[in-house]
Amino acid sequence: MSANWKTTGKTTGELSFEISQDEIKKSLDKAFDRVKKSLRVPGFRKGHVSRVIFNQYYGEEALYEDALNFALPEAYSAAVKETGIKAVGQPQIVPVSMDKNKAWEMKAIVTVEPEVELGQYTEIEVPKQNTRVYQKDIDAELTKRQEQNAEMVLKNDKAESGDTVTIDYVGTVDGVEFDGGSAQNYSLELGSNTFIPGFEDQLVGHGAGEEVDVVVTFPEDYGAKDLAGKEAHFATKIHEVKAKQLPELDDEFAKDVDDSVETLDELKEKIKAELKSEKEEAAKAAIQEAAITTAVKNATVEEIPDVMIQEDVDNQLNQYLGDMQRQGIDPQTYFKLTNTTEDQLRSQLSANAAERVKTNLVLEAIVAKEGFEASKEEIDAEIKDLADSYNMSEKAVRNALNDEMLAHDINVRKAMNLITDSAKQVAKAKLEESSEDEEDK
């Protein structure tokens, strides 16, 4: 094939290519096989018309449109590969000539990826991360586990914030009850901010057996528009008050919450190790985000085509809704539960689309510059990891993702690791000083 690329703009151009006679003949055969099944010609049974008779009645040119549709995808892909362009989106293809017994000449208006000029992407200075575990961190985790294992005990005193009350209530607006405004034997933790602001506060200081007229005003942005901004009265009766009774921090508590330890000291050491691991993971993520953000900032990228931004939003939307579906929530149910629409979700995902596209372009440019190439072993390992993560068979993963897609993800991850692993942690004060020096230049 003889293909030619001519740039017409920063991210646009014309791709000229030909479809050979061999490919045309194959595509004409496919086109004829498809139309002859429903073809009716006097003197012939349906579907039994020969090619010669068809050409006499209709002319071979009647097959050109279908034949072109068969031939174009492969011919266009081959032209893109031959010229080495990075095409994005759907091309606008215009036939230049489709003469009989000659190669068909095509012209495609194509959008391509913008050029990327890399800046510094290794040994980037990032804020120093603190991974030290302090005693207060361990104490906070112990307190959380105490809370999780607390018992609720009846109390005769007045309710305090943090206590749980069992109540009946009937809500009215202008003396009329409203839907969802009543309940019996409802368990409510005071201070949890579960109810309308002010409701829980008015039960503090009251005990079992008391009746309280709770008066609140629905927020202006309340979900039920007929109640938004209106004053409501809740006739409330308190049946009982319960307080949390925290377990003692001792060896028995330690064994109850973690059967792998025997003493409280062992539990503390285990918590310290777990918190250390969490902080190190968080630090690595923070370093990666800061380093990659700076590497992208250091790069210069030509104007990003709208089609790339829209493709990113489409991919993000499909991935997000796909994740929901894997949790058993179909898109219709998701939008109903969140009181949102697909357009609203698209708008939300569009906010950072340009930055995501630029980041991907920079990472791919680093892959090319560094010459990263995923090996067969790495691709096989990636398939196994994905199969394990999504509880799928390796065969199903291979059917869903081709080696080129998997290699791309592996190579991009290598670029991310290169940026992250070479980053230099610097104290915040020194980093700010360095930034000021850059601004003075």
Protein backbone atom coordinates (compact mmCIF):
# COMPACT_ATOMS: atom_id res chain seq x y z
CA MET A 1 0.00 0.00 0.00
CA SER A 2 1.08 3.52 -0.73
CA ALA A 3 -0.14 5.86 2.01
CA ASN A 4 0.67 9.52 2.50
CA TRP A 5 0.13 11.84 5.46
CA LYS A 6 -0.16 15.61 5.16
CA THR A 7 -0.49 17.82 8.24
CA THR A 8 -3.18 20.48 8.01
CA GLY A 9 -3.30 21.66 11.64
CA LYS A 10 -1.75 21.05 15.07
CA THR A 11 -3.75 17.87 15.53
CA THR A 12 -5.36 17.33 12.11
CA GLY A 13 -4.28 16.13 8.72
CA GLU A 14 -5.16 14.30 5.52
CA LEU A 15 -4.33 10.64 5.08
CA SER A 16 -4.31 9.45 1.46
CA PHE A 17 -4.32 5.73 0.76
CA GLU A 18 -5.44 3.12 -1.76
CA ILE A 19 -7.50 -0.06 -1.65
CA SER A 20 -5.87 -2.63 -3.92
CA GLN A 21 -7.69 -4.57 -6.64
CA ASP A 22 -7.22 -7.80 -4.68
CA GLU A 23 -8.96 -6.31 -1.63
CA ILE A 24 -11.67 -4.80 -3.81
CA LYS A 25 -12.44 -8.19 -5.39
CA LYS A 26 -12.65 -9.89 -1.99
CA SER A 27 -14.95 -7.16 -0.70
CA LEU A 28 -17.15 -7.30 -3.81
CA ASP A 29 -17.53 -11.05 -3.24
CA LYS A 30 -18.60 -10.43 0.36
CA ALA A 31 -21.02 -7.73 -0.73
CA PHE A 32 -22.58 -9.99 -3.35
CA ASP A 33 -22.91 -12.90 -0.91
CA ARG A 34 -24.83 -10.63 1.43
CA VAL A 35 -27.27 -9.12 -1.10
CA LYS A 36 -27.98 -12.27 -3.12
CA LYS A 37 -29.75 -13.92 -0.18
CA SER A 38 -32.67 -11.51 -0.51
CA LEU A 39 -32.38 -10.80 -4.23
CA ARG A 40 -35.36 -11.48 -6.52
CA VAL A 41 -34.77 -11.71 -10.29
CA PRO A 42 -37.44 -13.03 -12.71
CA GLY A 43 -36.71 -16.65 -13.69
CA PHE A 44 -34.47 -17.34 -10.68
CA ARG A 45 -35.22 -18.67 -7.23
CA LYS A 46 -34.60 -16.25 -4.38
CA GLY A 47 -30.92 -16.34 -3.38
CA HIS A 48 -29.82 -18.30 -6.46
CA VAL A 49 -28.86 -15.48 -8.81
CA SER A 50 -25.39 -15.79 -10.32
CA ARG A 51 -22.87 -12.95 -10.22
CA VAL A 52 -23.00 -12.62 -14.03
CA ILE A 53 -26.77 -12.20 -14.05
CA PHE A 54 -26.58 -9.70 -11.17
CA ASN A 55 -24.07 -7.59 -13.09
CA GLN A 56 -26.29 -7.65 -16.18
CA TYR A 57 -29.35 -6.52 -14.25
CA TYR A 58 -27.84 -4.07 -11.75
CA GLY A 59 -24.23 -3.49 -12.70
CA GLU A 60 -21.23 -4.27 -10.50
CA GLU A 61 -21.26 -0.67 -9.25
CA ALA A 62 -24.35 -1.49 -7.21
CA LEU A 63 -22.06 -3.46 -4.90
CA TYR A 64 -19.48 -0.69 -4.44
CA GLU A 65 -20.96 0.90 -1.32
CA ASP A 66 -21.17 -2.37 0.59
CA ALA A 67 -17.77 -3.48 -0.70
CA LEU A 68 -16.23 -0.22 0.46
CA ASN A 69 -17.66 -0.72 3.95
CA PHE A 70 -16.06 -4.19 4.03
CA ALA A 71 -12.66 -3.01 2.76
CA LEU A 72 -12.25 0.32 4.56
CA PRO A 73 -11.47 -0.72 8.17
CA GLU A 74 -8.48 -2.88 7.27
CA ALA A 75 -7.20 -0.50 4.57
CA TYR A 76 -7.46 2.51 6.89
CA SER A 77 -5.71 0.68 9.76
CA ALA A 78 -2.90 -0.38 7.42
CA ALA A 79 -2.47 3.23 6.22
CA VAL A 80 -2.33 4.52 9.79
CA LYS A 81 0.29 1.91 10.66
CA GLU A 82 2.32 2.65 7.51
CA THR A 83 2.47 6.40 8.13
CA GLY A 84 3.06 5.99 11.89
CA ILE A 85 0.44 8.54 12.89
CA LYS A 86 -1.40 8.29 16.22
CA ALA A 87 -4.98 8.63 15.05
CA VAL A 88 -7.78 9.30 17.55
CA GLY A 89 -11.54 9.26 17.11
CA GLN A 90 -13.35 8.38 13.91
CA PRO A 91 -11.91 9.64 10.60
CA GLN A 92 -13.96 11.40 7.94
CA ILE A 93 -13.28 9.33 4.84
CA VAL A 94 -13.96 10.69 1.36
CA PRO A 95 -13.59 8.48 -1.76
CA VAL A 96 -11.39 10.24 -4.33
CA SER A 97 -11.88 7.70 -7.12
CA MET A 98 -13.52 4.28 -7.40
CA ASP A 99 -12.86 3.42 -11.04
CA LYS A 100 -13.52 -0.07 -12.27
CA ASN A 101 -10.47 -2.36 -12.54
CA LYS A 102 -8.29 0.19 -10.71
CA ALA A 103 -7.24 0.64 -7.12
CA TRP A 104 -9.70 2.81 -5.21
CA GLU A 105 -8.19 6.06 -3.94
CA MET A 106 -9.29 7.36 -0.53
CA LYS A 107 -8.71 10.47 1.51
CA ALA A 108 -9.33 10.60 5.26
CA ILE A 109 -9.56 13.70 7.44
CA VAL A 110 -7.92 12.48 10.64
CA THR A 111 -7.43 13.83 14.15
CA VAL A 112 -4.16 12.80 15.78
CA GLU A 113 -2.62 12.96 19.22
CA PRO A 114 -0.87 16.25 19.99
CA GLU A 115 2.91 16.44 20.14
CA VAL A 116 4.46 16.10 23.60
CA GLU A 117 7.67 17.85 24.60
CA LEU A 118 8.92 16.25 27.79
CA GLY A 119 10.48 18.24 30.59
CA GLN A 120 12.15 16.84 33.69
CA TYR A 121 10.46 13.65 34.82
CA THR A 122 13.11 11.95 36.96
CA GLU A 123 14.61 13.05 40.27
CA ILE A 124 11.69 15.41 40.84
CA GLU A 125 11.59 17.04 44.27
CA VAL A 126 8.44 16.26 46.28
CA PRO A 127 7.34 17.09 49.85
CA LYS A 128 8.93 14.83 52.44
CA GLN A 129 6.49 12.30 53.86
CA ASN A 130 6.29 11.47 57.55
CA THR A 131 5.74 7.75 58.12
CA ARG A 132 6.47 7.77 61.84
CA VAL A 133 3.80 6.21 64.07
CA TYR A 134 3.13 8.23 67.23
CA GLN A 135 1.71 7.05 70.54
CA LYS A 136 -1.40 9.18 69.91
CA ASP A 137 -2.00 7.20 66.69
CA ILE A 138 -1.90 3.91 68.59
CA ASP A 139 -4.14 5.32 71.34
CA ALA A 140 -6.67 6.54 68.76
CA GLU A 141 -6.81 3.08 67.15
CA LEU A 142 -7.28 1.43 70.55
CA THR A 143 -10.11 3.87 71.35
CA LYS A 144 -11.75 3.06 68.02
CA ARG A 145 -11.61 -0.66 68.82
CA GLN A 146 -13.03 0.05 72.28
CA GLU A 147 -15.94 1.89 70.62
CA GLN A 148 -16.51 -0.98 68.21
CA ASN A 149 -16.70 -3.45 71.11
CA ALA A 150 -18.68 -1.25 73.51
CA GLU A 151 -21.84 -2.52 75.21
CA MET A 152 -25.00 -0.48 75.44
CA VAL A 153 -26.34 -0.34 79.00
CA LEU A 154 -29.55 1.23 80.31
CA LYS A 155 -29.11 4.40 82.34
CA ASN A 156 -31.54 6.19 84.63
CA ASP A 157 -29.93 9.57 84.20
CA LYS A 158 -30.78 12.18 81.59
CA ALA A 159 -29.59 11.59 78.03
CA GLU A 160 -26.24 13.06 77.00
CA SER A 161 -24.58 13.48 73.63
CA GLY A 162 -23.24 10.08 72.63
CA ASP A 163 -26.07 8.19 74.33
CA THR A 164 -28.62 6.20 72.32
CA VAL A 165 -32.32 6.82 72.91
CA THR A 166 -35.28 4.70 71.80
CA ILE A 167 -38.12 6.99 70.75
CA ASP A 168 -41.54 7.29 69.14
CA TYR A 169 -42.15 10.45 67.14
CA VAL A 170 -44.85 11.99 65.00
CA GLY A 171 -43.93 14.92 62.79
CA THR A 172 -46.30 17.63 61.61
CA VAL A 173 -46.05 20.76 59.49
CA ASP A 174 -48.81 23.33 60.04
CA GLY A 175 -50.57 20.69 62.14
CA VAL A 176 -50.63 18.10 59.36
CA GLU A 177 -48.63 14.85 59.44
CA PHE A 178 -46.31 14.26 56.49
CA ASP A 179 -44.93 11.14 54.80
CA GLY A 180 -41.85 9.70 56.49
CA GLY A 181 -42.28 11.91 59.56
CA SER A 182 -43.31 9.23 62.04
CA ALA A 183 -41.72 6.14 63.59
CA GLN A 184 -41.98 3.90 66.63
CA ASN A 185 -39.18 2.44 68.76
CA TYR A 186 -36.58 4.22 66.68
CA SER A 187 -33.00 3.91 67.97
CA LEU A 188 -31.13 7.22 67.65
CA GLU A 189 -27.60 8.05 68.73
CA LEU A 190 -27.52 11.63 69.98
CA GLY A 191 -24.78 13.63 68.31
CA SER A 192 -24.68 11.39 65.24
CA ASN A 193 -26.32 14.12 63.10
CA THR A 194 -28.63 11.49 61.65
CA PHE A 195 -31.72 13.67 61.89
CA ILE A 196 -32.53 17.24 60.87
CA PRO A 197 -30.13 19.75 62.53
CA GLY A 198 -31.37 20.60 66.01
CA PHE A 199 -33.50 17.49 66.53
CA GLU A 200 -30.97 15.47 68.51
CA ASP A 201 -29.83 18.46 70.57
CA GLN A 202 -33.35 18.96 71.96
CA LEU A 203 -33.43 15.42 73.39
CA VAL A 204 -30.24 15.98 75.42
CA GLY A 205 -31.15 16.50 79.08
CA HIS A 206 -34.33 14.41 78.92
CA GLY A 207 -34.85 10.92 80.31
CA ALA A 208 -36.93 7.77 79.81
CA GLY A 209 -40.68 8.32 80.01
CA GLU A 210 -40.49 12.01 79.05
CA GLU A 211 -42.37 13.56 76.16
CA VAL A 212 -40.60 16.30 74.22
CA ASP A 213 -42.00 18.68 71.60
CA VAL A 214 -39.07 18.96 69.21
CA VAL A 215 -39.24 22.00 66.92
CA VAL A 216 -36.92 22.18 63.91
CA THR A 217 -36.77 23.90 60.53
CA PHE A 218 -36.08 21.84 57.43
CA PRO A 219 -33.04 23.09 55.45
CA GLU A 220 -33.77 25.17 52.33
CA ASP A 221 -32.06 22.52 50.19
CA TYR A 222 -33.96 19.60 51.73
CA GLY A 223 -34.68 16.77 49.28
CA ALA A 224 -38.48 16.91 49.69
CA LYS A 225 -39.33 20.30 48.19
CA ASP A 226 -42.72 20.48 49.93
CA LEU A 227 -40.88 20.47 53.31
CA ALA A 228 -37.82 22.58 52.44
CA GLY A 229 -37.49 25.63 54.68
CA LYS A 230 -40.61 24.83 56.74
CA GLU A 231 -40.92 24.56 60.52
CA ALA A 232 -41.87 21.12 61.82
CA HIS A 233 -43.04 19.84 65.23
CA PHE A 234 -42.16 16.34 66.35
CA ALA A 235 -44.18 14.93 69.28
CA THR A 236 -41.48 12.70 70.72
CA LYS A 237 -41.62 10.15 73.54
CA ILE A 238 -38.43 8.70 75.01
CA HIS A 239 -38.77 5.03 76.00
CA GLU A 240 -35.23 4.37 77.20
CA VAL A 241 -31.74 5.82 77.32
CA LYS A 242 -28.63 3.72 76.81
CA ALA A 243 -24.98 4.68 77.26
CA LYS A 244 -21.90 3.09 75.82
CA GLN A 245 -19.86 1.08 78.27
CA LEU A 246 -16.35 0.74 76.96
CA PRO A 247 -14.38 -2.43 77.78
CA GLU A 248 -11.26 -2.11 79.92
CA LEU A 249 -7.97 -1.88 78.03
CA ASP A 250 -6.31 -5.02 79.34
CA ASP A 251 -5.00 -8.38 78.14
CA GLU A 252 -8.51 -9.86 77.99
CA PHE A 253 -9.66 -7.02 75.72
CA ALA A 254 -6.64 -7.61 73.48
CA LYS A 255 -7.47 -11.32 73.10
CA ASP A 256 -11.14 -10.55 72.44
CA VAL A 257 -10.46 -8.14 69.56
CA ASP A 258 -7.54 -10.05 68.03
CA ASP A 259 -7.10 -13.77 68.58
CA SER A 260 -3.51 -13.65 67.25
CA VAL A 261 -2.26 -11.83 70.39
CA GLU A 262 -2.12 -12.75 74.06
CA THR A 263 -1.45 -9.40 75.73
CA LEU A 264 -2.32 -5.72 75.36
CA ASP A 265 1.33 -4.93 74.67
CA GLU A 266 1.33 -7.41 71.78
CA LEU A 267 -1.82 -5.78 70.42
CA LYS A 268 -0.19 -2.36 70.62
CA GLU A 269 2.87 -3.63 68.72
CA LYS A 270 0.66 -5.17 66.06
CA ILE A 271 -1.33 -1.95 65.71
CA LYS A 272 1.92 0.00 65.42
CA ALA A 273 3.11 -2.27 62.60
CA GLU A 274 -0.23 -2.00 60.78
CA LEU A 275 -0.28 1.80 61.09
CA LYS A 276 3.33 1.94 59.87
CA SER A 277 2.41 -0.07 56.78
CA GLU A 278 -0.62 2.15 56.13
CA LYS A 279 1.47 5.32 56.45
CA GLU A 280 4.12 3.95 54.11
CA GLU A 281 1.48 3.08 51.51
CA ALA A 282 -0.09 6.52 51.87
CA ALA A 283 3.35 8.14 51.57
CA LYS A 284 4.11 6.20 48.40
CA ALA A 285 0.77 7.29 46.91
CA ALA A 286 1.41 10.92 47.87
CA ILE A 287 4.91 10.85 46.39
CA GLN A 288 3.60 9.28 43.19
CA GLU A 289 0.83 11.84 42.83
CA ALA A 290 3.13 14.80 43.51
CA ALA A 291 5.92 13.53 41.23
CA ILE A 292 3.64 12.67 38.31
CA THR A 293 1.77 15.96 38.66
CA THR A 294 5.08 17.82 38.43
CA ALA A 295 6.31 15.71 35.51
CA VAL A 296 3.10 16.53 33.63
CA LYS A 297 3.44 20.20 34.55
CA ASN A 298 7.01 20.19 33.24
CA ALA A 299 5.88 18.84 29.86
CA THR A 300 4.50 20.88 27.00
CA VAL A 301 1.53 19.40 25.17
CA GLU A 302 -0.06 20.89 22.08
CA GLU A 303 -3.79 21.61 22.11
CA ILE A 304 -5.70 18.49 23.15
CA PRO A 305 -8.43 17.54 20.63
CA ASP A 306 -12.00 17.51 21.94
CA VAL A 307 -12.44 13.94 20.71
CA MET A 308 -9.74 12.75 23.14
CA ILE A 309 -11.47 14.49 26.03
CA GLN A 310 -14.83 12.98 25.10
CA GLU A 311 -13.26 9.51 24.75
CA ASP A 312 -11.77 9.88 28.22
CA VAL A 313 -15.15 10.86 29.68
CA ASP A 314 -16.79 7.89 27.92
CA ASN A 315 -14.16 5.52 29.31
CA GLN A 316 -14.47 6.94 32.83
CA LEU A 317 -18.27 6.69 32.66
CA ASN A 318 -18.22 3.09 31.42
CA GLN A 319 -15.68 2.10 34.08
CA TYR A 320 -17.65 3.81 36.86
CA LEU A 321 -20.99 2.29 35.88
CA GLY A 322 -19.25 -1.04 35.27
CA ASP A 323 -17.92 -1.00 38.83
CA MET A 324 -21.44 -0.25 40.09
CA GLN A 325 -22.83 -3.13 38.04
CA ARG A 326 -20.25 -5.53 39.49
CA GLN A 327 -21.65 -4.55 42.90
CA GLY A 328 -25.12 -5.47 41.70
CA ILE A 329 -26.31 -1.92 40.95
CA ASP A 330 -27.43 -1.29 37.38
CA PRO A 331 -27.14 2.27 35.93
CA GLN A 332 -30.88 2.98 36.21
CA THR A 333 -30.89 2.02 39.90
CA TYR A 334 -27.70 4.01 40.55
CA PHE A 335 -29.14 7.23 39.09
CA LYS A 336 -32.35 6.71 41.04
CA LEU A 337 -30.53 6.12 44.34
CA THR A 338 -28.27 9.15 43.88
CA ASN A 339 -31.02 11.34 42.41
CA THR A 340 -28.73 12.20 39.50
CA THR A 341 -28.66 11.73 35.73
CA GLU A 342 -26.10 10.42 33.26
CA ASP A 343 -25.55 13.97 32.02
CA GLN A 344 -24.73 15.13 35.55
CA LEU A 345 -22.26 12.27 36.00
CA ARG A 346 -20.69 13.11 32.63
CA SER A 347 -20.35 16.74 33.68
CA GLN A 348 -18.67 15.66 36.91
CA LEU A 349 -16.25 13.38 35.07
CA SER A 350 -15.50 16.11 32.51
CA ALA A 351 -14.04 18.42 35.16
CA ASN A 352 -10.59 16.78 35.15
CA ALA A 353 -10.74 15.06 31.76
CA ALA A 354 -8.22 17.36 30.03
CA GLU A 355 -5.70 16.84 32.84
CA ARG A 356 -6.18 13.06 32.73
CA VAL A 357 -5.62 13.04 28.96
CA LYS A 358 -2.49 15.17 29.29
CA THR A 359 -1.15 12.87 32.00
CA ASN A 360 -1.68 9.81 29.80
CA LEU A 361 0.02 11.52 26.85
CA VAL A 362 3.06 12.44 28.97
CA LEU A 363 3.33 8.92 30.41
CA GLU A 364 3.11 7.41 26.91
CA ALA A 365 5.81 9.82 25.72
CA ILE A 366 8.05 8.65 28.59
CA VAL A 367 7.37 5.02 27.62
CA ALA A 368 8.51 5.80 24.06
CA LYS A 369 11.60 7.71 25.16
CA GLU A 370 12.67 5.05 27.67
CA GLY A 371 11.91 2.25 25.21
CA PHE A 372 9.79 0.27 27.66
CA GLU A 373 8.43 -2.96 26.18
CA ALA A 374 6.31 -5.42 28.13
CA SER A 375 7.55 -9.00 27.89
CA LYS A 376 5.35 -12.04 27.32
CA GLU A 377 6.00 -13.08 30.93
CA GLU A 378 4.83 -9.68 32.19
CA ILE A 379 1.67 -9.88 30.07
CA ASP A 380 0.93 -13.40 31.37
CA ALA A 381 1.42 -12.20 34.95
CA GLU A 382 -0.88 -9.24 34.31
CA ILE A 383 -3.60 -11.56 33.02
CA LYS A 384 -3.27 -13.76 36.10
CA ASP A 385 -3.49 -10.74 38.43
CA LEU A 386 -6.58 -9.41 36.66
CA ALA A 387 -8.22 -12.83 36.71
CA ASP A 388 -7.61 -13.11 40.47
CA SER A 389 -8.81 -9.54 41.14
CA TYR A 390 -12.08 -9.89 39.24
CA ASN A 391 -12.66 -13.58 40.01
CA MET A 392 -12.55 -14.44 36.30
CA SER A 393 -10.81 -17.15 34.34
CA GLU A 394 -7.57 -16.23 32.58
CA LYS A 395 -9.21 -17.24 29.29
CA ALA A 396 -12.03 -14.72 29.89
CA VAL A 397 -9.49 -11.97 30.56
CA ARG A 398 -7.60 -12.81 27.37
CA ASN A 399 -10.84 -12.66 25.40
CA ALA A 400 -11.72 -9.25 26.88
CA LEU A 401 -8.27 -7.64 26.59
CA ASN A 402 -5.72 -8.09 23.82
CA ASP A 403 -1.96 -8.18 24.39
CA GLU A 404 -1.52 -4.66 23.00
CA MET A 405 -3.88 -3.18 25.62
CA LEU A 406 -2.22 -5.13 28.42
CA ALA A 407 1.28 -4.16 27.26
CA HIS A 408 0.23 -0.51 27.16
CA ASP A 409 -0.94 -0.61 30.79
CA ILE A 410 2.23 -2.41 31.92
CA ASN A 411 4.49 0.07 30.14
CA VAL A 412 2.61 3.09 31.51
CA ARG A 413 2.98 1.61 35.00
CA LYS A 414 6.73 1.32 34.38
CA ALA A 415 6.83 5.01 33.49
CA MET A 416 4.92 5.87 36.68
CA ASN A 417 7.32 3.78 38.75
CA LEU A 418 10.32 5.44 37.12
CA ILE A 419 8.99 8.89 38.04
CA THR A 420 8.05 7.80 41.57
CA ASP A 421 11.13 5.75 42.44
CA SER A 422 13.53 8.48 41.31
CA ALA A 423 11.69 11.28 43.14
CA LYS A 424 13.58 13.07 45.91
CA GLN A 425 11.80 13.86 49.16
CA VAL A 426 12.56 17.38 50.31
CA ALA A 427 11.49 19.27 53.43
CA LYS A 428 8.56 21.58 52.74
CA ALA A 429 10.52 24.75 53.60
CA LYS A 430 13.29 23.86 51.14
CA LEU A 431 10.73 22.97 48.48
CA GLU A 432 9.01 26.36 48.87
CA GLU A 433 12.39 28.11 48.71
CA SER A 434 13.22 26.27 45.50
CA SER A 435 9.84 27.25 44.06
CA GLU A 436 10.46 30.91 44.86
CA ASP A 437 13.85 30.73 43.13
CA GLU A 438 12.15 29.38 40.01
CA GLU A 439 9.65 32.25 40.05
CA ASP A 440 12.48 34.82 40.27
CA LYS A 441 14.14 33.51 37.12
